[in-house]
Amino acid sequence: MIRTIIVEDEVLIRIALRSKLESAGCEIIGESGDGAESIALIKKSPPDLLLLDIKLHGKISGIDILKEINRSLSIPTVFISAYDFEDYKDEISCDNMIAAYDKPLSDVDIMGIVDAYKEFIKNKKE
């Protein structure tokens, strides 16, 4: 199972993501909609995969979370957003970024995330 943390501030989207990811074989080890809480959660229990919304309510964005986490950890990350990724491509670009998906995510998108994670890990081992 792919141990996963979901960072998404919209509760209904987070619930739907949890359900879809669990159906795809992921184990959700944590979820949060708050930037500071997310950072603490990720540092306390680093996941295999991080699903991260770019824009969160409050002062800390998904991009801020990624920058903070990347100081000490390298966690494969998938960004999700309702905003245009072109506006953020430079900020979200890093060695451990797997993919970026537009919200809402379909079942096909979820399987794409799982497949992209597996491919990322396979390539990292080679």
Protein backbone atom coordinates (compact mmCIF):
# COMPACT_ATOMS: atom_id res chain seq x y z
CA MET A 1 0.00 0.00 0.00
CA ILE A 2 1.09 3.52 -0.75
CA ARG A 3 1.09 5.49 2.50
CA THR A 4 -0.46 8.83 1.53
CA ILE A 5 -1.16 12.21 3.11
CA ILE A 6 -3.79 14.48 1.56
CA VAL A 7 -3.48 18.26 1.99
CA GLU A 8 -6.69 19.85 0.74
CA ASP A 9 -8.66 22.63 2.43
CA GLU A 10 -12.03 21.82 0.84
CA VAL A 11 -13.52 19.13 3.08
CA LEU A 12 -15.83 17.54 0.50
CA ILE A 13 -13.00 17.26 -2.01
CA ARG A 14 -10.74 15.78 0.67
CA ILE A 15 -13.37 13.17 1.55
CA ALA A 16 -13.81 12.24 -2.12
CA LEU A 17 -10.04 12.02 -2.61
CA ARG A 18 -9.67 9.79 0.43
CA SER A 19 -12.34 7.42 -0.85
CA LYS A 20 -10.92 7.26 -4.38
CA LEU A 21 -7.33 6.84 -3.22
CA GLU A 22 -8.27 4.07 -0.79
CA SER A 23 -10.14 2.31 -3.60
CA ALA A 24 -6.97 2.58 -5.71
CA GLY A 25 -4.90 0.87 -3.00
CA CYS A 26 -3.54 3.80 -1.02
CA GLU A 27 -3.47 3.91 2.76
CA ILE A 28 -4.40 7.40 3.95
CA ILE A 29 -2.17 8.00 6.98
CA GLY A 30 -3.18 11.63 7.40
CA GLU A 31 -5.09 14.53 5.96
CA SER A 32 -5.34 18.22 6.65
CA GLY A 33 -6.64 21.46 5.24
CA ASP A 34 -4.36 23.71 7.27
CA GLY A 35 -0.81 24.63 6.21
CA ALA A 36 0.94 24.59 9.60
CA GLU A 37 -0.90 21.45 10.70
CA SER A 38 0.05 19.77 7.41
CA ILE A 39 3.74 20.50 7.85
CA ALA A 40 3.71 19.04 11.37
CA LEU A 41 1.78 15.97 10.18
CA ILE A 42 4.16 15.32 7.27
CA LYS A 43 7.27 15.73 9.43
CA LYS A 44 5.86 13.48 12.16
CA SER A 45 4.81 10.68 9.77
CA PRO A 46 6.46 11.11 6.37
CA PRO A 47 4.28 9.47 3.72
CA ASP A 48 5.28 7.58 0.60
CA LEU A 49 3.14 10.01 -1.41
CA LEU A 50 1.95 13.55 -0.76
CA LEU A 51 -1.16 14.89 -2.49
CA LEU A 52 -0.95 18.66 -2.15
CA ASP A 53 -3.37 21.43 -3.08
CA ILE A 54 -1.56 24.55 -4.30
CA LYS A 55 -3.92 27.11 -2.77
CA LEU A 56 -5.04 26.68 0.83
CA HIS A 57 -7.03 29.00 3.07
CA GLY A 58 -4.72 30.94 5.36
CA LYS A 59 -1.18 32.19 5.08
CA ILE A 60 0.58 28.93 4.18
CA SER A 61 0.10 27.61 0.65
CA GLY A 62 0.83 24.19 -0.76
CA ILE A 63 3.93 25.67 -2.35
CA ASP A 64 5.09 26.90 1.08
CA ILE A 65 4.52 23.41 2.48
CA LEU A 66 6.58 21.85 -0.31
CA LYS A 67 9.46 24.28 0.27
CA GLU A 68 9.47 23.59 4.01
CA ILE A 69 9.25 19.81 3.62
CA ASN A 70 11.96 19.72 0.94
CA ARG A 71 14.44 21.21 3.43
CA SER A 72 14.64 17.90 5.27
CA LEU A 73 12.60 15.30 3.33
CA SER A 74 12.17 14.15 -0.26
CA ILE A 75 8.59 12.97 -0.63
CA PRO A 76 7.07 12.18 -4.02
CA THR A 77 4.43 14.86 -4.51
CA VAL A 78 1.37 15.29 -6.72
CA PHE A 79 -0.12 18.77 -6.93
CA ILE A 80 -3.82 19.35 -7.37
CA SER A 81 -5.47 22.66 -8.10
CA ALA A 82 -8.43 24.44 -9.57
CA TYR A 83 -5.99 27.11 -10.79
CA ASP A 84 -3.86 27.13 -13.92
CA PHE A 85 -0.61 25.26 -13.29
CA GLU A 86 1.21 27.48 -15.79
CA ASP A 87 1.07 30.25 -13.20
CA TYR A 88 2.96 28.04 -10.71
CA LYS A 89 5.16 25.77 -12.83
CA ASP A 90 8.44 27.30 -11.66
CA GLU A 91 7.44 27.22 -8.01
CA ILE A 92 6.23 23.61 -8.01
CA SER A 93 9.08 22.23 -10.07
CA CYS A 94 11.32 19.97 -7.99
CA ASP A 95 12.97 16.55 -8.19
CA ASN A 96 10.23 14.83 -6.22
CA MET A 97 7.24 16.30 -8.06
CA ILE A 98 5.47 13.49 -9.87
CA ALA A 99 2.54 15.24 -11.55
CA ALA A 100 -0.04 18.00 -11.39
CA TYR A 101 -3.78 17.46 -11.82
CA ASP A 102 -6.72 19.80 -12.21
CA LYS A 103 -9.58 19.52 -9.75
CA PRO A 104 -11.91 17.77 -9.61
CA LEU A 105 -10.02 14.49 -10.00
CA SER A 106 -11.68 11.62 -11.81
CA ASP A 107 -11.17 7.93 -11.14
CA VAL A 108 -8.88 7.88 -14.19
CA ASP A 109 -6.83 10.70 -12.65
CA ILE A 110 -6.51 8.75 -9.39
CA MET A 111 -5.24 5.69 -11.25
CA GLY A 112 -2.85 8.00 -13.13
CA ILE A 113 -1.51 9.25 -9.80
CA VAL A 114 -0.94 5.71 -8.53
CA ASP A 115 0.71 4.67 -11.80
CA ALA A 116 2.88 7.81 -11.87
CA TYR A 117 3.99 7.13 -8.28
CA LYS A 118 4.94 3.53 -9.13
CA GLU A 119 6.86 4.68 -12.21
CA PHE A 120 8.62 7.40 -10.19
CA ILE A 121 9.76 4.84 -7.59
CA LYS A 122 10.82 2.36 -10.27
CA ASN A 123 12.93 5.01 -12.04
CA LYS A 124 14.43 6.17 -8.76
CA LYS A 125 15.68 2.63 -8.03
CA GLU A 126 17.35 2.29 -11.44
